[in-house]
Amino acid sequence: MPSAAGSPLVYVAGPLFDDGERWWIERVEQTGIDRCEIVVASLNGLTTDDGTAWELGYAYATGKHLIGLNTDWRRRFNDEVVNLMIECSLHELVHSLDELTSSLTAWGPLRT
């Protein structure tokens, strides 16, 4: 469901356990998963937050467009940025806010 201004509603998934995580998530507007068209998930850290993984699974099952955002240089394995199940469920994995902006801008015309 688009917002009143015609822009897609975006849900931001990610941990909110400290001031830095809350600051990061607040960089993008938040809406409910059922009402949104796109889910942007913060996937920083050596493992994906349990709640974020659940939100992604629910969003995937309901057919939402999923974008993972990973700006963390740490890796669990040399050939894996995030958990393979998470990565394969994403439509796109981006590595900066600039890439996220480009992804969201490119997605807009594709939805019509």
PDB file of N, CA and C in Angstrom:
ATOM      1  N   MET A   1       0.842  -1.162   0.000  1.00  0.00           N
ATOM      2  CA  MET A   1       0.000   0.000   0.000  1.00  0.00           C
ATOM      3  C   MET A   1       0.892   1.231   0.000  1.00  0.00           C
ATOM      4  N   PRO A   2       0.761   2.111  -0.999  1.00  0.00           N
ATOM      5  CA  PRO A   2       1.589   3.307  -1.008  1.00  0.00           C
ATOM      6  C   PRO A   2       1.123   4.305   0.049  1.00  0.00           C
ATOM      7  N   SER A   3       2.027   5.180   0.444  1.00  0.00           N
ATOM      8  CA  SER A   3       1.661   6.212   1.398  1.00  0.00           C
ATOM      9  C   SER A   3       0.811   7.250   0.692  1.00  0.00           C
ATOM     10  N   ALA A   4       0.292   8.189   1.455  1.00  0.00           N
ATOM     11  CA  ALA A   4      -0.561   9.226   0.889  1.00  0.00           C
ATOM     12  C   ALA A   4       0.159  10.019  -0.192  1.00  0.00           C
ATOM     13  N   ALA A   5       1.456  10.168  -0.074  1.00  0.00           N
ATOM     14  CA  ALA A   5       2.228  10.929  -1.055  1.00  0.00           C
ATOM     15  C   ALA A   5       2.595  10.090  -2.271  1.00  0.00           C
ATOM     16  N   GLY A   6       2.203   8.818  -2.297  1.00  0.00           N
ATOM     17  CA  GLY A   6       2.505   7.953  -3.429  1.00  0.00           C
ATOM     18  C   GLY A   6       3.799   7.184  -3.306  1.00  0.00           C
ATOM     19  N   SER A   7       4.592   7.473  -2.306  1.00  0.00           N
ATOM     20  CA  SER A   7       5.833   6.735  -2.088  1.00  0.00           C
ATOM     21  C   SER A   7       5.512   5.420  -1.404  1.00  0.00           C
ATOM     22  N   PRO A   8       6.293   4.370  -1.668  1.00  0.00           N
ATOM     23  CA  PRO A   8       6.033   3.098  -0.998  1.00  0.00           C
ATOM     24  C   PRO A   8       6.337   3.203   0.491  1.00  0.00           C
ATOM     25  N   LEU A   9       5.579   2.454   1.281  1.00  0.00           N
ATOM     26  CA  LEU A   9       5.868   2.373   2.705  1.00  0.00           C
ATOM     27  C   LEU A   9       6.976   1.355   2.912  1.00  0.00           C
ATOM     28  N   VAL A  10       7.917   1.689   3.773  1.00  0.00           N
ATOM     29  CA  VAL A  10       9.073   0.839   4.034  1.00  0.00           C
ATOM     30  C   VAL A  10       9.096   0.480   5.509  1.00  0.00           C
ATOM     31  N   TYR A  11       9.294  -0.797   5.810  1.00  0.00           N
ATOM     32  CA  TYR A  11       9.470  -1.265   7.179  1.00  0.00           C
ATOM     33  C   TYR A  11      10.958  -1.497   7.382  1.00  0.00           C
ATOM     34  N   VAL A  12      11.491  -1.032   8.498  1.00  0.00           N
ATOM     35  CA  VAL A  12      12.906  -1.207   8.789  1.00  0.00           C
ATOM     36  C   VAL A  12      13.045  -2.225   9.906  1.00  0.00           C
ATOM     37  N   ALA A  13      13.737  -3.315   9.627  1.00  0.00           N
ATOM     38  CA  ALA A  13      13.954  -4.373  10.607  1.00  0.00           C
ATOM     39  C   ALA A  13      15.386  -4.300  11.104  1.00  0.00           C
ATOM     40  N   GLY A  14      15.559  -4.513  12.384  1.00  0.00           N
ATOM     41  CA  GLY A  14      16.904  -4.534  12.930  1.00  0.00           C
ATOM     42  C   GLY A  14      16.872  -4.436  14.435  1.00  0.00           C
ATOM     43  N   PRO A  15      17.982  -4.761  15.069  1.00  0.00           N
ATOM     44  CA  PRO A  15      18.043  -4.718  16.524  1.00  0.00           C
ATOM     45  C   PRO A  15      18.002  -3.279  17.038  1.00  0.00           C
ATOM     46  N   LEU A  16      17.452  -3.112  18.232  1.00  0.00           N
ATOM     47  CA  LEU A  16      17.344  -1.787  18.856  1.00  0.00           C
ATOM     48  C   LEU A  16      17.840  -1.838  20.295  1.00  0.00           C
ATOM     49  N   PHE A  17      18.999  -2.425  20.510  1.00  0.00           N
ATOM     50  CA  PHE A  17      19.468  -2.668  21.867  1.00  0.00           C
ATOM     51  C   PHE A  17      20.364  -1.581  22.443  1.00  0.00           C
ATOM     52  N   ASP A  18      20.824  -0.654  21.615  1.00  0.00           N
ATOM     53  CA  ASP A  18      21.642   0.426  22.149  1.00  0.00           C
ATOM     54  C   ASP A  18      21.393   1.700  21.344  1.00  0.00           C
ATOM     55  N   ASP A  19      21.957   2.808  21.801  1.00  0.00           N
ATOM     56  CA  ASP A  19      21.713   4.088  21.136  1.00  0.00           C
ATOM     57  C   ASP A  19      22.159   4.088  19.688  1.00  0.00           C
ATOM     58  N   GLY A  20      23.275   3.434  19.391  1.00  0.00           N
ATOM     59  CA  GLY A  20      23.773   3.388  18.015  1.00  0.00           C
ATOM     60  C   GLY A  20      22.827   2.634  17.093  1.00  0.00           C
ATOM     61  N   GLU A  21      22.302   1.515  17.549  1.00  0.00           N
ATOM     62  CA  GLU A  21      21.360   0.744  16.731  1.00  0.00           C
ATOM     63  C   GLU A  21      20.068   1.524  16.511  1.00  0.00           C
ATOM     64  N   ARG A  22      19.575   2.191  17.562  1.00  0.00           N
ATOM     65  CA  ARG A  22      18.353   2.990  17.409  1.00  0.00           C
ATOM     66  C   ARG A  22      18.590   4.147  16.439  1.00  0.00           C
ATOM     67  N   TRP A  23      19.745   4.807  16.530  1.00  0.00           N
ATOM     68  CA  TRP A  23      20.076   5.900  15.608  1.00  0.00           C
ATOM     69  C   TRP A  23      20.074   5.392  14.172  1.00  0.00           C
ATOM     70  N   TRP A  24      20.683   4.225  13.940  1.00  0.00           N
ATOM     71  CA  TRP A  24      20.779   3.662  12.593  1.00  0.00           C
ATOM     72  C   TRP A  24      19.393   3.374  12.020  1.00  0.00           C
ATOM     73  N   ILE A  25      18.536   2.731  12.790  1.00  0.00           N
ATOM     74  CA  ILE A  25      17.197   2.379  12.328  1.00  0.00           C
ATOM     75  C   ILE A  25      16.361   3.629  12.070  1.00  0.00           C
ATOM     76  N   GLU A  26      16.526   4.660  12.869  1.00  0.00           N
ATOM     77  CA  GLU A  26      15.745   5.884  12.709  1.00  0.00           C
ATOM     78  C   GLU A  26      16.121   6.662  11.458  1.00  0.00           C
ATOM     79  N   ARG A  27      17.161   6.251  10.753  1.00  0.00           N
ATOM     80  CA  ARG A  27      17.553   6.917   9.506  1.00  0.00           C
ATOM     81  C   ARG A  27      16.542   6.678   8.386  1.00  0.00           C
ATOM     82  N   VAL A  28      15.667   5.689   8.543  1.00  0.00           N
ATOM     83  CA  VAL A  28      14.641   5.375   7.544  1.00  0.00           C
ATOM     84  C   VAL A  28      13.302   5.304   8.274  1.00  0.00           C
ATOM     85  N   GLU A  29      12.221   5.771   7.642  1.00  0.00           N
ATOM     86  CA  GLU A  29      10.902   5.722   8.280  1.00  0.00           C
ATOM     87  C   GLU A  29      10.472   4.283   8.539  1.00  0.00           C
ATOM     88  N   GLN A  30       9.660   4.084   9.594  1.00  0.00           N
ATOM     89  CA  GLN A  30       9.191   2.751   9.954  1.00  0.00           C
ATOM     90  C   GLN A  30       7.675   2.650   9.791  1.00  0.00           C
ATOM     91  N   THR A  31       7.193   1.524   9.294  1.00  0.00           N
ATOM     92  CA  THR A  31       5.758   1.194   9.222  1.00  0.00           C
ATOM     93  C   THR A  31       5.606  -0.273   9.553  1.00  0.00           C
ATOM     94  N   GLY A  32       4.401  -0.769   9.672  1.00  0.00           N
ATOM     95  CA  GLY A  32       4.150  -2.171   9.962  1.00  0.00           C
ATOM     96  C   GLY A  32       4.434  -3.051   8.756  1.00  0.00           C
ATOM     97  N   ILE A  33       4.870  -4.297   8.996  1.00  0.00           N
ATOM     98  CA  ILE A  33       5.192  -5.219   7.903  1.00  0.00           C
ATOM     99  C   ILE A  33       3.977  -5.465   7.011  1.00  0.00           C
ATOM    100  N   ASP A  34       2.814  -5.663   7.589  1.00  0.00           N
ATOM    101  CA  ASP A  34       1.629  -5.953   6.778  1.00  0.00           C
ATOM    102  C   ASP A  34       1.232  -4.791   5.874  1.00  0.00           C
ATOM    103  N   ARG A  35       1.524  -3.575   6.275  1.00  0.00           N
ATOM    104  CA  ARG A  35       1.142  -2.401   5.488  1.00  0.00           C
ATOM    105  C   ARG A  35       2.200  -1.984   4.474  1.00  0.00           C
ATOM    106  N   CYS A  36       3.408  -2.476   4.602  1.00  0.00           N
ATOM    107  CA  CYS A  36       4.492  -1.989   3.751  1.00  0.00           C
ATOM    108  C   CYS A  36       4.595  -2.752   2.436  1.00  0.00           C
ATOM    109  N   GLU A  37       5.384  -2.210   1.538  1.00  0.00           N
ATOM    110  CA  GLU A  37       5.713  -2.876   0.285  1.00  0.00           C
ATOM    111  C   GLU A  37       7.144  -3.401   0.296  1.00  0.00           C
ATOM    112  N   ILE A  38       8.000  -2.751   1.076  1.00  0.00           N
ATOM    113  CA  ILE A  38       9.426  -3.071   1.113  1.00  0.00           C
ATOM    114  C   ILE A  38       9.858  -3.235   2.569  1.00  0.00           C
ATOM    115  N   VAL A  39      10.737  -4.212   2.813  1.00  0.00           N
ATOM    116  CA  VAL A  39      11.380  -4.350   4.118  1.00  0.00           C
ATOM    117  C   VAL A  39      12.872  -4.148   3.917  1.00  0.00           C
ATOM    118  N   VAL A  40      13.428  -3.206   4.660  1.00  0.00           N
ATOM    119  CA  VAL A  40      14.870  -2.980   4.676  1.00  0.00           C
ATOM    120  C   VAL A  40      15.373  -3.505   6.013  1.00  0.00           C
ATOM    121  N   ALA A  41      16.299  -4.456   5.961  1.00  0.00           N
ATOM    122  CA  ALA A  41      16.791  -5.092   7.181  1.00  0.00           C
ATOM    123  C   ALA A  41      18.247  -4.740   7.422  1.00  0.00           C
ATOM    124  N   SER A  42      18.536  -4.243   8.625  1.00  0.00           N
ATOM    125  CA  SER A  42      19.909  -4.009   9.036  1.00  0.00           C
ATOM    126  C   SER A  42      20.523  -5.360   9.397  1.00  0.00           C
ATOM    127  N   LEU A  43      21.537  -5.767   8.648  1.00  0.00           N
ATOM    128  CA  LEU A  43      22.150  -7.086   8.822  1.00  0.00           C
ATOM    129  C   LEU A  43      23.587  -6.989   9.331  1.00  0.00           C
ATOM    130  N   ASN A  44      23.894  -5.940  10.050  1.00  0.00           N
ATOM    131  CA  ASN A  44      25.234  -5.794  10.603  1.00  0.00           C
ATOM    132  C   ASN A  44      25.434  -6.746  11.776  1.00  0.00           C
ATOM    133  N   GLY A  45      26.685  -7.086  12.025  1.00  0.00           N
ATOM    134  CA  GLY A  45      27.030  -8.011  13.097  1.00  0.00           C
ATOM    135  C   GLY A  45      27.499  -9.330  12.519  1.00  0.00           C
ATOM    136  N   LEU A  46      28.114 -10.127  13.362  1.00  0.00           N
ATOM    137  CA  LEU A  46      28.609 -11.427  12.893  1.00  0.00           C
ATOM    138  C   LEU A  46      27.476 -12.392  12.590  1.00  0.00           C
ATOM    139  N   THR A  47      26.346 -12.224  13.266  1.00  0.00           N
ATOM    140  CA  THR A  47      25.162 -13.026  12.974  1.00  0.00           C
ATOM    141  C   THR A  47      23.959 -12.093  12.886  1.00  0.00           C
ATOM    142  N   THR A  48      22.948 -12.504  12.153  1.00  0.00           N
ATOM    143  CA  THR A  48      21.728 -11.710  12.035  1.00  0.00           C
ATOM    144  C   THR A  48      20.938 -11.796  13.338  1.00  0.00           C
ATOM    145  N   ASP A  49      20.462 -10.660  13.815  1.00  0.00           N
ATOM    146  CA  ASP A  49      19.636 -10.614  15.014  1.00  0.00           C
ATOM    147  C   ASP A  49      18.435 -11.542  14.846  1.00  0.00           C
ATOM    148  N   ASP A  50      18.090 -12.286  15.899  1.00  0.00           N
ATOM    149  CA  ASP A  50      16.978 -13.249  15.840  1.00  0.00           C
ATOM    150  C   ASP A  50      15.660 -12.594  15.437  1.00  0.00           C
ATOM    151  N   GLY A  51      15.360 -11.450  16.024  1.00  0.00           N
ATOM    152  CA  GLY A  51      14.112 -10.761  15.700  1.00  0.00           C
ATOM    153  C   GLY A  51      14.094 -10.288  14.257  1.00  0.00           C
ATOM    154  N   THR A  52      15.224  -9.806  13.780  1.00  0.00           N
ATOM    155  CA  THR A  52      15.324  -9.363  12.386  1.00  0.00           C
ATOM    156  C   THR A  52      15.126 -10.539  11.440  1.00  0.00           C
ATOM    157  N   ALA A  53      15.708 -11.681  11.777  1.00  0.00           N
ATOM    158  CA  ALA A  53      15.537 -12.878  10.950  1.00  0.00           C
ATOM    159  C   ALA A  53      14.062 -13.277  10.894  1.00  0.00           C
ATOM    160  N   TRP A  54      13.367 -13.194  12.025  1.00  0.00           N
ATOM    161  CA  TRP A  54      11.945 -13.528  12.057  1.00  0.00           C
ATOM    162  C   TRP A  54      11.162 -12.552  11.185  1.00  0.00           C
ATOM    163  N   GLU A  55      11.455 -11.257  11.329  1.00  0.00           N
ATOM    164  CA  GLU A  55      10.759 -10.246  10.520  1.00  0.00           C
ATOM    165  C   GLU A  55      10.980 -10.495   9.030  1.00  0.00           C
ATOM    166  N   LEU A  56      12.196 -10.841   8.643  1.00  0.00           N
ATOM    167  CA  LEU A  56      12.480 -11.143   7.239  1.00  0.00           C
ATOM    168  C   LEU A  56      11.713 -12.373   6.774  1.00  0.00           C
ATOM    169  N   GLY A  57      11.667 -13.415   7.604  1.00  0.00           N
ATOM    170  CA  GLY A  57      10.936 -14.622   7.236  1.00  0.00           C
ATOM    171  C   GLY A  57       9.459 -14.344   7.033  1.00  0.00           C
ATOM    172  N   TYR A  58       8.868 -13.573   7.935  1.00  0.00           N
ATOM    173  CA  TYR A  58       7.454 -13.214   7.812  1.00  0.00           C
ATOM    174  C   TYR A  58       7.224 -12.387   6.548  1.00  0.00           C
ATOM    175  N   ALA A  59       8.084 -11.403   6.329  1.00  0.00           N
ATOM    176  CA  ALA A  59       7.947 -10.549   5.150  1.00  0.00           C
ATOM    177  C   ALA A  59       8.120 -11.355   3.861  1.00  0.00           C
ATOM    178  N   TYR A  60       9.060 -12.280   3.858  1.00  0.00           N
ATOM    179  CA  TYR A  60       9.279 -13.138   2.693  1.00  0.00           C
ATOM    180  C   TYR A  60       8.022 -13.968   2.410  1.00  0.00           C
ATOM    181  N   ALA A  61       7.443 -14.531   3.458  1.00  0.00           N
ATOM    182  CA  ALA A  61       6.250 -15.376   3.305  1.00  0.00           C
ATOM    183  C   ALA A  61       5.044 -14.589   2.811  1.00  0.00           C
ATOM    184  N   THR A  62       5.026 -13.290   3.076  1.00  0.00           N
ATOM    185  CA  THR A  62       3.904 -12.469   2.628  1.00  0.00           C
ATOM    186  C   THR A  62       4.201 -11.717   1.333  1.00  0.00           C
ATOM    187  N   GLY A  63       5.330 -12.048   0.695  1.00  0.00           N
ATOM    188  CA  GLY A  63       5.621 -11.522  -0.642  1.00  0.00           C
ATOM    189  C   GLY A  63       6.160 -10.105  -0.713  1.00  0.00           C
ATOM    190  N   LYS A  64       6.767  -9.626   0.353  1.00  0.00           N
ATOM    191  CA  LYS A  64       7.326  -8.273   0.353  1.00  0.00           C
ATOM    192  C   LYS A  64       8.661  -8.246  -0.390  1.00  0.00           C
ATOM    193  N   HIS A  65       9.028  -7.062  -0.868  1.00  0.00           N
ATOM    194  CA  HIS A  65      10.335  -6.848  -1.487  1.00  0.00           C
ATOM    195  C   HIS A  65      11.343  -6.655  -0.360  1.00  0.00           C
ATOM    196  N   LEU A  66      12.422  -7.449  -0.336  1.00  0.00           N
ATOM    197  CA  LEU A  66      13.370  -7.449   0.778  1.00  0.00           C
ATOM    198  C   LEU A  66      14.742  -6.932   0.356  1.00  0.00           C
ATOM    199  N   ILE A  67      15.220  -5.947   1.096  1.00  0.00           N
ATOM    200  CA  ILE A  67      16.557  -5.396   0.867  1.00  0.00           C
ATOM    201  C   ILE A  67      17.337  -5.524   2.164  1.00  0.00           C
ATOM    202  N   GLY A  68      18.491  -6.162   2.096  1.00  0.00           N
ATOM    203  CA  GLY A  68      19.374  -6.262   3.259  1.00  0.00           C
ATOM    204  C   GLY A  68      20.422  -5.178   3.188  1.00  0.00           C
ATOM    205  N   LEU A  69      20.727  -4.569   4.320  1.00  0.00           N
ATOM    206  CA  LEU A  69      21.745  -3.530   4.402  1.00  0.00           C
ATOM    207  C   LEU A  69      22.839  -4.014   5.339  1.00  0.00           C
ATOM    208  N   ASN A  70      24.038  -4.234   4.794  1.00  0.00           N
ATOM    209  CA  ASN A  70      25.176  -4.699   5.586  1.00  0.00           C
ATOM    210  C   ASN A  70      26.350  -3.777   5.329  1.00  0.00           C
ATOM    211  N   THR A  71      26.710  -2.995   6.342  1.00  0.00           N
ATOM    212  CA  THR A  71      27.856  -2.092   6.231  1.00  0.00           C
ATOM    213  C   THR A  71      29.007  -2.545   7.119  1.00  0.00           C
ATOM    214  N   ASP A  72      28.901  -3.742   7.650  1.00  0.00           N
ATOM    215  CA  ASP A  72      29.872  -4.290   8.597  1.00  0.00           C
ATOM    216  C   ASP A  72      30.999  -4.978   7.828  1.00  0.00           C
ATOM    217  N   TRP A  73      32.221  -4.649   8.129  1.00  0.00           N
ATOM    218  CA  TRP A  73      33.361  -5.250   7.425  1.00  0.00           C
ATOM    219  C   TRP A  73      33.731  -6.624   7.974  1.00  0.00           C
ATOM    220  N   ARG A  74      33.189  -6.996   9.155  1.00  0.00           N
ATOM    221  CA  ARG A  74      33.506  -8.308   9.740  1.00  0.00           C
ATOM    222  C   ARG A  74      32.774  -9.408   8.970  1.00  0.00           C
ATOM    223  N   ARG A  75      33.400 -10.569   8.858  1.00  0.00           N
ATOM    224  CA  ARG A  75      32.806 -11.714   8.161  1.00  0.00           C
ATOM    225  C   ARG A  75      32.942 -12.959   9.024  1.00  0.00           C
ATOM    226  N   ARG A  76      31.903 -13.811   8.991  1.00  0.00           N
ATOM    227  CA  ARG A  76      32.001 -15.114   9.666  1.00  0.00           C
ATOM    228  C   ARG A  76      32.863 -16.043   8.830  1.00  0.00           C
ATOM    229  N   PHE A  77      32.646 -15.999   7.507  1.00  0.00           N
ATOM    230  CA  PHE A  77      33.379 -16.838   6.563  1.00  0.00           C
ATOM    231  C   PHE A  77      33.792 -15.967   5.385  1.00  0.00           C
ATOM    232  N   ASN A  78      34.834 -16.337   4.686  1.00  0.00           N
ATOM    233  CA  ASN A  78      35.326 -15.532   3.566  1.00  0.00           C
ATOM    234  C   ASN A  78      34.320 -15.406   2.431  1.00  0.00           C
ATOM    235  N   ASP A  79      33.484 -16.420   2.228  1.00  0.00           N
ATOM    236  CA  ASP A  79      32.559 -16.408   1.092  1.00  0.00           C
ATOM    237  C   ASP A  79      31.112 -16.104   1.495  1.00  0.00           C
ATOM    238  N   GLU A  80      30.891 -15.601   2.700  1.00  0.00           N
ATOM    239  CA  GLU A  80      29.529 -15.357   3.177  1.00  0.00           C
ATOM    240  C   GLU A  80      29.458 -14.017   3.899  1.00  0.00           C
ATOM    241  N   VAL A  81      28.599 -13.115   3.400  1.00  0.00           N
ATOM    242  CA  VAL A  81      28.411 -11.819   4.045  1.00  0.00           C
ATOM    243  C   VAL A  81      27.452 -11.965   5.225  1.00  0.00           C
ATOM    244  N   VAL A  82      26.303 -12.570   4.972  1.00  0.00           N
ATOM    245  CA  VAL A  82      25.330 -12.875   6.025  1.00  0.00           C
ATOM    246  C   VAL A  82      24.923 -14.331   5.868  1.00  0.00           C
ATOM    247  N   ASN A  83      24.145 -14.844   6.805  1.00  0.00           N
ATOM    248  CA  ASN A  83      23.663 -16.218   6.729  1.00  0.00           C
ATOM    249  C   ASN A  83      23.092 -16.494   5.336  1.00  0.00           C
ATOM    250  N   LEU A  84      23.447 -17.621   4.762  1.00  0.00           N
ATOM    251  CA  LEU A  84      23.050 -17.946   3.394  1.00  0.00           C
ATOM    252  C   LEU A  84      21.537 -17.978   3.210  1.00  0.00           C
ATOM    253  N   MET A  85      20.789 -18.483   4.189  1.00  0.00           N
ATOM    254  CA  MET A  85      19.325 -18.502   4.075  1.00  0.00           C
ATOM    255  C   MET A  85      18.769 -17.087   4.028  1.00  0.00           C
ATOM    256  N   ILE A  86      19.333 -16.202   4.829  1.00  0.00           N
ATOM    257  CA  ILE A  86      18.908 -14.803   4.818  1.00  0.00           C
ATOM    258  C   ILE A  86      19.258 -14.177   3.471  1.00  0.00           C
ATOM    259  N   GLU A  87      20.505 -14.348   3.043  1.00  0.00           N
ATOM    260  CA  GLU A  87      20.958 -13.725   1.799  1.00  0.00           C
ATOM    261  C   GLU A  87      20.143 -14.195   0.594  1.00  0.00           C
ATOM    262  N   CYS A  88      19.806 -15.473   0.550  1.00  0.00           N
ATOM    263  CA  CYS A  88      19.048 -16.001  -0.592  1.00  0.00           C
ATOM    264  C   CYS A  88      17.584 -15.563  -0.589  1.00  0.00           C
ATOM    265  N   SER A  89      17.076 -15.107   0.546  1.00  0.00           N
ATOM    266  CA  SER A  89      15.692 -14.626   0.586  1.00  0.00           C
ATOM    267  C   SER A  89      15.584 -13.158   0.181  1.00  0.00           C
ATOM    268  N   LEU A  90      16.705 -12.455   0.143  1.00  0.00           N
ATOM    269  CA  LEU A  90      16.704 -11.038  -0.203  1.00  0.00           C
ATOM    270  C   LEU A  90      16.584 -10.832  -1.706  1.00  0.00           C
ATOM    271  N   HIS A  91      15.938  -9.744  -2.083  1.00  0.00           N
ATOM    272  CA  HIS A  91      15.955  -9.344  -3.480  1.00  0.00           C
ATOM    273  C   HIS A  91      17.269  -8.639  -3.802  1.00  0.00           C
ATOM    274  N   GLU A  92      17.831  -7.986  -2.775  1.00  0.00           N
ATOM    275  CA  GLU A  92      19.094  -7.277  -2.971  1.00  0.00           C
ATOM    276  C   GLU A  92      19.797  -7.112  -1.632  1.00  0.00           C
ATOM    277  N   LEU A  93      21.131  -7.157  -1.662  1.00  0.00           N
ATOM    278  CA  LEU A  93      21.959  -6.892  -0.495  1.00  0.00           C
ATOM    279  C   LEU A  93      22.830  -5.691  -0.842  1.00  0.00           C
ATOM    280  N   VAL A  94      22.686  -4.610  -0.072  1.00  0.00           N
ATOM    281  CA  VAL A  94      23.449  -3.387  -0.331  1.00  0.00           C
ATOM    282  C   VAL A  94      24.409  -3.141   0.823  1.00  0.00           C
ATOM    283  N   HIS A  95      25.415  -2.286   0.579  1.00  0.00           N
ATOM    284  CA  HIS A  95      26.482  -2.112   1.553  1.00  0.00           C
ATOM    285  C   HIS A  95      26.718  -0.669   1.989  1.00  0.00           C
ATOM    286  N   SER A  96      25.783   0.233   1.683  1.00  0.00           N
ATOM    287  CA  SER A  96      25.890   1.626   2.134  1.00  0.00           C
ATOM    288  C   SER A  96      24.522   2.280   2.016  1.00  0.00           C
ATOM    289  N   LEU A  97      24.373   3.429   2.688  1.00  0.00           N
ATOM    290  CA  LEU A  97      23.121   4.172   2.557  1.00  0.00           C
ATOM    291  C   LEU A  97      22.932   4.693   1.133  1.00  0.00           C
ATOM    292  N   ASP A  98      24.041   5.024   0.454  1.00  0.00           N
ATOM    293  CA  ASP A  98      23.936   5.454  -0.949  1.00  0.00           C
ATOM    294  C   ASP A  98      23.401   4.320  -1.825  1.00  0.00           C
ATOM    295  N   GLU A  99      23.909   3.103  -1.624  1.00  0.00           N
ATOM    296  CA  GLU A  99      23.405   1.958  -2.387  1.00  0.00           C
ATOM    297  C   GLU A  99      21.937   1.687  -2.058  1.00  0.00           C
ATOM    298  N   LEU A 100      21.554   1.855  -0.790  1.00  0.00           N
ATOM    299  CA  LEU A 100      20.167   1.666  -0.401  1.00  0.00           C
ATOM    300  C   LEU A 100      19.270   2.679  -1.102  1.00  0.00           C
ATOM    301  N   THR A 101      19.694   3.934  -1.118  1.00  0.00           N
ATOM    302  CA  THR A 101      18.925   4.972  -1.805  1.00  0.00           C
ATOM    303  C   THR A 101      18.770   4.643  -3.283  1.00  0.00           C
ATOM    304  N   SER A 102      19.835   4.210  -3.924  1.00  0.00           N
ATOM    305  CA  SER A 102      19.775   3.833  -5.345  1.00  0.00           C
ATOM    306  C   SER A 102      18.838   2.654  -5.557  1.00  0.00           C
ATOM    307  N   SER A 103      18.899   1.680  -4.673  1.00  0.00           N
ATOM    308  CA  SER A 103      18.044   0.498  -4.794  1.00  0.00           C
ATOM    309  C   SER A 103      16.576   0.869  -4.664  1.00  0.00           C
ATOM    310  N   LEU A 104      16.257   1.692  -3.672  1.00  0.00           N
ATOM    311  CA  LEU A 104      14.872   2.107  -3.472  1.00  0.00           C
ATOM    312  C   LEU A 104      14.371   2.968  -4.636  1.00  0.00           C
ATOM    313  N   THR A 105      15.232   3.818  -5.167  1.00  0.00           N
ATOM    314  CA  THR A 105      14.861   4.650  -6.313  1.00  0.00           C
ATOM    315  C   THR A 105      14.621   3.805  -7.550  1.00  0.00           C
ATOM    316  N   ALA A 106      15.473   2.804  -7.777  1.00  0.00           N
ATOM    317  CA  ALA A 106      15.310   1.920  -8.941  1.00  0.00           C
ATOM    318  C   ALA A 106      14.094   1.036  -8.795  1.00  0.00           C
ATOM    319  N   TRP A 107      13.740   0.640  -7.574  1.00  0.00           N
ATOM    320  CA  TRP A 107      12.607  -0.241  -7.347  1.00  0.00           C
ATOM    321  C   TRP A 107      11.289   0.437  -7.665  1.00  0.00           C
ATOM    322  N   GLY A 108      11.163   1.730  -7.396  1.00  0.00           N
ATOM    323  CA  GLY A 108       9.920   2.458  -7.589  1.00  0.00           C
ATOM    324  C   GLY A 108       9.238   2.216  -8.936  1.00  0.00           C
ATOM    325  N   PRO A 109       9.934   2.463 -10.049  1.00  0.00           N
ATOM    326  CA  PRO A 109       9.302   2.267 -11.355  1.00  0.00           C
ATOM    327  C   PRO A 109       8.997   0.812 -11.655  1.00  0.00           C
ATOM    328  N   LEU A 110       9.700  -0.134 -11.032  1.00  0.00           N
ATOM    329  CA  LEU A 110       9.487  -1.551 -11.309  1.00  0.00           C
ATOM    330  C   LEU A 110       8.172  -2.069 -10.723  1.00  0.00           C
ATOM    331  N   ARG A 111       7.627  -1.380  -9.711  1.00  0.00           N
ATOM    332  CA  ARG A 111       6.428  -1.863  -9.046  1.00  0.00           C
ATOM    333  C   ARG A 111       5.151  -1.521  -9.778  1.00  0.00           C
ATOM    334  N   THR A 112       5.207  -0.635 -10.762  1.00  0.00           N
ATOM    335  CA  THR A 112       3.982  -0.250 -11.470  1.00  0.00           C
ATOM    336  C   THR A 112       3.766  -1.076 -12.702  1.00  0.00           C
TER     337      THR A 112
END
